Structure formats: structure tokens, C-alpha cells
Amino acid sequence: MVAEAAAERARLQAARRRFVLANHPDRGGDPVAFAEGLRAFDDARPSQTLTFYRRHGVLRRILAALARVLVRTGGRS
């Protein structure tokens, strides 16, 4: 059971990495779709890192900074 969970975690991590490489705004991807995609991956994977970010407000500050950039650029990359 532990090995199955580790294998699933590795598959999810590989899929997330492929998503990031294909859709990153620095490579011409849509920033809003990119943020939504990352959120979907994070929701699919409860992680200690994400819990840490939520607990310390880092995630909120990152999302606020992203929102400011999107407002300033009109949603264009």
C-alpha cells in the first residue's frame, strides 16, 4: 500500500512537471490557465509543503502578487 501511494505520488509529480513545462507563462502559456492548472494539481495532492504555505500565508501572498501582475498586464503574458 505504501509503495502504491509512492508510485501514485511520482506519477502525479511527473504529470505536474510536464504541465508546467508545456504551459508556463514564461514560455508563452496563459497565466490564468497556468494558475488554475497548478491549483488543480495541488488540490489533487494533499501535501505537507502546501499545508506549510497555507499555514504561513505564503500561498496567499503569491496569489495576490499574481493577481496584481494579471491586472497590470490585462491578463496577457
C-alpha atoms as a PDB file:
ATOM      1  CA  MET A   1       0.000   0.000   0.000  1.00  0.00           C
ATOM      2  CA  VAL A   2       2.815   2.430   0.807  1.00  0.00           C
ATOM      3  CA  ALA A   3       4.524   1.552  -2.476  1.00  0.00           C
ATOM      4  CA  GLU A   4       1.281   2.198  -4.378  1.00  0.00           C
ATOM      5  CA  ALA A   5       0.911   5.607  -2.747  1.00  0.00           C
ATOM      6  CA  ALA A   6       4.518   6.470  -3.578  1.00  0.00           C
ATOM      7  CA  ALA A   7       4.033   5.379  -7.194  1.00  0.00           C
ATOM      8  CA  GLU A   8       0.859   7.469  -7.493  1.00  0.00           C
ATOM      9  CA  ARG A   9       2.664  10.455  -5.993  1.00  0.00           C
ATOM     10  CA  ALA A  10       5.509  10.023  -8.505  1.00  0.00           C
ATOM     11  CA  ARG A  11       3.042   9.802 -11.428  1.00  0.00           C
ATOM     12  CA  LEU A  12       1.258  12.944 -10.271  1.00  0.00           C
ATOM     13  CA  GLN A  13       4.548  14.784  -9.836  1.00  0.00           C
ATOM     14  CA  ALA A  14       5.671  13.789 -13.357  1.00  0.00           C
ATOM     15  CA  ALA A  15       2.338  14.934 -14.830  1.00  0.00           C
ATOM     16  CA  ARG A  16       2.631  18.262 -12.995  1.00  0.00           C
ATOM     17  CA  ARG A  17       6.176  18.730 -14.303  1.00  0.00           C
ATOM     18  CA  ARG A  18       5.002  18.070 -17.884  1.00  0.00           C
ATOM     19  CA  PHE A  19       2.139  20.527 -17.402  1.00  0.00           C
ATOM     20  CA  VAL A  20       4.485  23.233 -16.112  1.00  0.00           C
ATOM     21  CA  LEU A  21       6.941  22.776 -18.968  1.00  0.00           C
ATOM     22  CA  ALA A  22       4.187  22.917 -21.579  1.00  0.00           C
ATOM     23  CA  ASN A  23       2.101  25.770 -20.114  1.00  0.00           C
ATOM     24  CA  HIS A  24       4.403  28.110 -18.188  1.00  0.00           C
ATOM     25  CA  PRO A  25       3.679  31.804 -18.879  1.00  0.00           C
ATOM     26  CA  ASP A  26       7.390  32.448 -19.467  1.00  0.00           C
ATOM     27  CA  ARG A  27       7.112  30.050 -22.400  1.00  0.00           C
ATOM     28  CA  GLY A  28       4.017  31.646 -23.898  1.00  0.00           C
ATOM     29  CA  GLY A  29       1.343  29.958 -21.831  1.00  0.00           C
ATOM     30  CA  ASP A  30      -1.765  31.671 -20.476  1.00  0.00           C
ATOM     31  CA  PRO A  31      -1.084  32.831 -16.885  1.00  0.00           C
ATOM     32  CA  VAL A  32      -4.680  32.330 -15.720  1.00  0.00           C
ATOM     33  CA  ALA A  33      -4.925  28.814 -17.166  1.00  0.00           C
ATOM     34  CA  PHE A  34      -1.493  28.030 -15.722  1.00  0.00           C
ATOM     35  CA  ALA A  35      -2.542  29.132 -12.220  1.00  0.00           C
ATOM     36  CA  GLU A  36      -5.776  27.140 -12.477  1.00  0.00           C
ATOM     37  CA  GLY A  37      -3.871  24.066 -13.636  1.00  0.00           C
ATOM     38  CA  LEU A  38      -1.413  24.297 -10.755  1.00  0.00           C
ATOM     39  CA  ARG A  39      -4.307  24.711  -8.339  1.00  0.00           C
ATOM     40  CA  ALA A  40      -5.894  21.560  -9.745  1.00  0.00           C
ATOM     41  CA  PHE A  41      -2.674  19.614  -9.250  1.00  0.00           C
ATOM     42  CA  ASP A  42      -2.310  20.952  -5.718  1.00  0.00           C
ATOM     43  CA  ASP A  43      -5.910  20.032  -4.885  1.00  0.00           C
ATOM     44  CA  ALA A  44      -5.338  16.510  -6.194  1.00  0.00           C
ATOM     45  CA  ARG A  45      -2.326  16.072  -3.932  1.00  0.00           C
ATOM     46  CA  PRO A  46      -2.548  16.929  -0.268  1.00  0.00           C
ATOM     47  CA  SER A  47       0.990  17.841   0.585  1.00  0.00           C
ATOM     48  CA  GLN A  48       2.907  18.915   3.629  1.00  0.00           C
ATOM     49  CA  THR A  49       4.502  21.699   1.587  1.00  0.00           C
ATOM     50  CA  LEU A  50       1.152  23.121   0.534  1.00  0.00           C
ATOM     51  CA  THR A  51      -0.065  22.889   4.122  1.00  0.00           C
ATOM     52  CA  PHE A  52       3.040  24.817   5.216  1.00  0.00           C
ATOM     53  CA  TYR A  53       2.393  27.526   2.610  1.00  0.00           C
ATOM     54  CA  ARG A  54      -1.251  27.826   3.629  1.00  0.00           C
ATOM     55  CA  ARG A  55      -0.386  27.915   7.318  1.00  0.00           C
ATOM     56  CA  HIS A  56       2.196  30.679   6.878  1.00  0.00           C
ATOM     57  CA  GLY A  57       0.263  32.728   4.338  1.00  0.00           C
ATOM     58  CA  VAL A  58       2.903  32.348   1.629  1.00  0.00           C
ATOM     59  CA  LEU A  59       0.385  30.974  -0.850  1.00  0.00           C
ATOM     60  CA  ARG A  60      -1.921  33.926  -0.250  1.00  0.00           C
ATOM     61  CA  ARG A  61       0.923  36.402  -0.887  1.00  0.00           C
ATOM     62  CA  ILE A  62       1.970  34.583  -4.065  1.00  0.00           C
ATOM     63  CA  LEU A  63      -1.597  34.573  -5.398  1.00  0.00           C
ATOM     64  CA  ALA A  64      -2.010  38.258  -4.518  1.00  0.00           C
ATOM     65  CA  ALA A  65       1.198  39.091  -6.398  1.00  0.00           C
ATOM     66  CA  LEU A  66      -0.001  37.056  -9.386  1.00  0.00           C
ATOM     67  CA  ALA A  67      -3.339  38.892  -9.324  1.00  0.00           C
ATOM     68  CA  ARG A  68      -1.532  42.263  -9.322  1.00  0.00           C
ATOM     69  CA  VAL A  69       0.536  41.195 -12.338  1.00  0.00           C
ATOM     70  CA  LEU A  70      -2.560  39.995 -14.174  1.00  0.00           C
ATOM     71  CA  VAL A  71      -4.387  43.255 -13.502  1.00  0.00           C
ATOM     72  CA  ARG A  72      -1.391  45.287 -14.646  1.00  0.00           C
ATOM     73  CA  THR A  73      -0.924  43.295 -17.849  1.00  0.00           C
ATOM     74  CA  GLY A  74      -4.608  42.795 -18.576  1.00  0.00           C
ATOM     75  CA  GLY A  75      -4.196  39.003 -18.345  1.00  0.00           C
ATOM     76  CA  ARG A  76      -1.646  38.856 -21.159  1.00  0.00           C
ATOM     77  CA  SER A  77       1.716  37.215 -20.677  1.00  0.00           C
END
